[in-house]
Amino acid sequence: MGNRIPIDIAGRTVILVDDGIATGATARVAILGLQQRKPRKIILAVPLGANDTMETLRHDIDEVICLVEPATLEAIGFHYGDFPQLTDEEVIEILKRSRTPQ
């Protein structure tokens, strides 16, 4: 976030988006961080998630929207035609550009 002040999400609906969830480890950490900030509702939206992981996450939050839930999921990237790995620097630059008024 750099030097930006976090948005106050208390009492708001938060939509947490991911490109896909296999083990759910990062999603769980994100959910715990959001829960500490007291949102009214947390919705997890993903195109792809391992079935057992998604079932577990459904117990932790208000709503899960997942388009495809295979019983076995080896790697998220296998389900995309183009799934390049980004460096931390690339992600930071994209986030900076998204904050700049156009």
C-alpha atoms as a PDB file:
ATOM      1  CA  MET A   1       0.000   0.000   0.000  1.00  0.00           C
ATOM      2  CA  GLY A   2       3.000   2.265   0.184  1.00  0.00           C
ATOM      3  CA  ASN A   3       2.136   5.316   2.238  1.00  0.00           C
ATOM      4  CA  ARG A   4      -1.590   5.157   1.502  1.00  0.00           C
ATOM      5  CA  ILE A   5      -4.070   5.023   4.353  1.00  0.00           C
ATOM      6  CA  PRO A   6      -6.181   1.839   4.250  1.00  0.00           C
ATOM      7  CA  ILE A   7      -9.805   2.279   3.241  1.00  0.00           C
ATOM      8  CA  ASP A   8     -12.163   1.916   6.189  1.00  0.00           C
ATOM      9  CA  ILE A   9     -14.167  -1.251   5.476  1.00  0.00           C
ATOM     10  CA  ALA A  10     -16.004  -1.455   8.810  1.00  0.00           C
ATOM     11  CA  GLY A  11     -19.675  -2.092   8.138  1.00  0.00           C
ATOM     12  CA  ARG A  12     -19.142  -2.446   4.382  1.00  0.00           C
ATOM     13  CA  THR A  13     -19.418  -5.382   2.003  1.00  0.00           C
ATOM     14  CA  VAL A  14     -15.992  -6.527   0.801  1.00  0.00           C
ATOM     15  CA  ILE A  15     -15.447  -8.607  -2.332  1.00  0.00           C
ATOM     16  CA  LEU A  16     -12.190 -10.552  -2.184  1.00  0.00           C
ATOM     17  CA  VAL A  17     -11.066 -11.648  -5.665  1.00  0.00           C
ATOM     18  CA  ASP A  18      -8.430 -14.225  -6.593  1.00  0.00           C
ATOM     19  CA  ASP A  19      -7.439 -15.857  -9.895  1.00  0.00           C
ATOM     20  CA  GLY A  20      -7.896 -19.288  -8.352  1.00  0.00           C
ATOM     21  CA  ILE A  21      -7.604 -21.132  -5.058  1.00  0.00           C
ATOM     22  CA  ALA A  22      -5.842 -24.448  -4.567  1.00  0.00           C
ATOM     23  CA  THR A  23      -4.893 -24.881  -0.896  1.00  0.00           C
ATOM     24  CA  GLY A  24      -6.612 -21.722   0.306  1.00  0.00           C
ATOM     25  CA  ALA A  25      -3.652 -20.604   2.440  1.00  0.00           C
ATOM     26  CA  THR A  26      -3.420 -17.082   1.033  1.00  0.00           C
ATOM     27  CA  ALA A  27      -7.199 -16.701   0.924  1.00  0.00           C
ATOM     28  CA  ARG A  28      -7.442 -17.645   4.618  1.00  0.00           C
ATOM     29  CA  VAL A  29      -4.831 -15.051   5.567  1.00  0.00           C
ATOM     30  CA  ALA A  30      -6.634 -12.393   3.518  1.00  0.00           C
ATOM     31  CA  ILE A  31      -9.968 -13.338   5.114  1.00  0.00           C
ATOM     32  CA  LEU A  32      -8.512 -13.168   8.633  1.00  0.00           C
ATOM     33  CA  GLY A  33      -7.056  -9.735   7.895  1.00  0.00           C
ATOM     34  CA  LEU A  34     -10.383  -8.511   6.561  1.00  0.00           C
ATOM     35  CA  GLN A  35     -12.366  -9.948   9.480  1.00  0.00           C
ATOM     36  CA  GLN A  36     -10.227  -7.970  11.922  1.00  0.00           C
ATOM     37  CA  ARG A  37     -11.372  -4.800  10.188  1.00  0.00           C
ATOM     38  CA  LYS A  38     -15.061  -5.625  10.865  1.00  0.00           C
ATOM     39  CA  PRO A  39     -16.726  -5.594   7.442  1.00  0.00           C
ATOM     40  CA  ARG A  40     -20.464  -6.184   7.295  1.00  0.00           C
ATOM     41  CA  LYS A  41     -20.019  -8.986   4.779  1.00  0.00           C
ATOM     42  CA  ILE A  42     -17.166 -10.769   2.985  1.00  0.00           C
ATOM     43  CA  ILE A  43     -17.710 -12.292  -0.437  1.00  0.00           C
ATOM     44  CA  LEU A  44     -15.007 -14.426  -2.042  1.00  0.00           C
ATOM     45  CA  ALA A  45     -15.154 -14.419  -5.859  1.00  0.00           C
ATOM     46  CA  VAL A  46     -12.954 -16.775  -7.865  1.00  0.00           C
ATOM     47  CA  PRO A  47     -13.216 -18.442 -11.268  1.00  0.00           C
ATOM     48  CA  LEU A  48     -11.609 -21.669 -10.040  1.00  0.00           C
ATOM     49  CA  GLY A  49     -11.161 -23.374  -6.672  1.00  0.00           C
ATOM     50  CA  ALA A  50     -10.451 -26.843  -5.369  1.00  0.00           C
ATOM     51  CA  ASN A  51     -13.750 -28.294  -4.187  1.00  0.00           C
ATOM     52  CA  ASP A  52     -12.634 -29.285  -0.685  1.00  0.00           C
ATOM     53  CA  THR A  53     -10.919 -25.939  -0.120  1.00  0.00           C
ATOM     54  CA  MET A  54     -13.952 -23.984  -1.261  1.00  0.00           C
ATOM     55  CA  GLU A  55     -16.192 -26.001   1.073  1.00  0.00           C
ATOM     56  CA  THR A  56     -13.912 -25.129   3.995  1.00  0.00           C
ATOM     57  CA  LEU A  57     -13.827 -21.434   3.074  1.00  0.00           C
ATOM     58  CA  ARG A  58     -17.624 -21.305   2.872  1.00  0.00           C
ATOM     59  CA  HIS A  59     -17.677 -21.828   6.650  1.00  0.00           C
ATOM     60  CA  ASP A  60     -15.380 -18.833   7.243  1.00  0.00           C
ATOM     61  CA  ILE A  61     -17.166 -16.107   5.275  1.00  0.00           C
ATOM     62  CA  ASP A  62     -20.570 -14.910   4.182  1.00  0.00           C
ATOM     63  CA  GLU A  63     -20.587 -15.919   0.535  1.00  0.00           C
ATOM     64  CA  VAL A  64     -18.428 -17.741  -2.018  1.00  0.00           C
ATOM     65  CA  ILE A  65     -18.834 -17.354  -5.766  1.00  0.00           C
ATOM     66  CA  CYS A  66     -16.781 -19.941  -7.631  1.00  0.00           C
ATOM     67  CA  LEU A  67     -17.432 -20.905 -11.246  1.00  0.00           C
ATOM     68  CA  VAL A  68     -15.510 -24.210 -11.387  1.00  0.00           C
ATOM     69  CA  GLU A  69     -14.728 -26.501  -8.440  1.00  0.00           C
ATOM     70  CA  PRO A  70     -12.833 -29.582  -9.596  1.00  0.00           C
ATOM     71  CA  ALA A  71     -12.369 -32.449  -7.132  1.00  0.00           C
ATOM     72  CA  THR A  72      -8.617 -32.389  -7.813  1.00  0.00           C
ATOM     73  CA  LEU A  73      -6.653 -29.283  -8.659  1.00  0.00           C
ATOM     74  CA  GLU A  74      -2.930 -29.526  -9.285  1.00  0.00           C
ATOM     75  CA  ALA A  75      -2.146 -25.963 -10.347  1.00  0.00           C
ATOM     76  CA  ILE A  76      -4.243 -22.905 -11.104  1.00  0.00           C
ATOM     77  CA  GLY A  77      -2.143 -22.055 -14.173  1.00  0.00           C
ATOM     78  CA  PHE A  78      -3.112 -25.306 -15.900  1.00  0.00           C
ATOM     79  CA  HIS A  79      -6.656 -23.919 -16.269  1.00  0.00           C
ATOM     80  CA  TYR A  80      -5.645 -20.746 -18.097  1.00  0.00           C
ATOM     81  CA  GLY A  81      -4.547 -20.340 -21.709  1.00  0.00           C
ATOM     82  CA  ASP A  82      -2.080 -17.627 -20.653  1.00  0.00           C
ATOM     83  CA  PHE A  83      -0.949 -17.454 -17.020  1.00  0.00           C
ATOM     84  CA  PRO A  84       2.341 -15.540 -16.793  1.00  0.00           C
ATOM     85  CA  GLN A  85       4.118 -15.187 -13.474  1.00  0.00           C
ATOM     86  CA  LEU A  86       4.549 -11.563 -12.406  1.00  0.00           C
ATOM     87  CA  THR A  87       7.391 -10.212 -10.328  1.00  0.00           C
ATOM     88  CA  ASP A  88       6.725  -8.213  -7.181  1.00  0.00           C
ATOM     89  CA  GLU A  89       8.016  -5.134  -8.988  1.00  0.00           C
ATOM     90  CA  GLU A  90       5.523  -5.596 -11.832  1.00  0.00           C
ATOM     91  CA  VAL A  91       2.631  -5.923  -9.401  1.00  0.00           C
ATOM     92  CA  ILE A  92       3.737  -2.821  -7.453  1.00  0.00           C
ATOM     93  CA  GLU A  93       3.929  -0.829 -10.700  1.00  0.00           C
ATOM     94  CA  ILE A  94       0.461  -1.984 -11.791  1.00  0.00           C
ATOM     95  CA  LEU A  95      -0.964  -0.991  -8.404  1.00  0.00           C
ATOM     96  CA  LYS A  96       0.712   2.427  -8.601  1.00  0.00           C
ATOM     97  CA  ARG A  97      -0.771   3.034 -12.061  1.00  0.00           C
ATOM     98  CA  SER A  98      -4.228   2.000 -10.857  1.00  0.00           C
ATOM     99  CA  ARG A  99      -4.108   4.727  -8.188  1.00  0.00           C
ATOM    100  CA  THR A 100      -3.054   7.487 -10.557  1.00  0.00           C
ATOM    101  CA  PRO A 101      -5.953   9.664 -11.767  1.00  0.00           C
ATOM    102  CA  GLN A 102      -6.377   9.414 -15.522  1.00  0.00           C
END
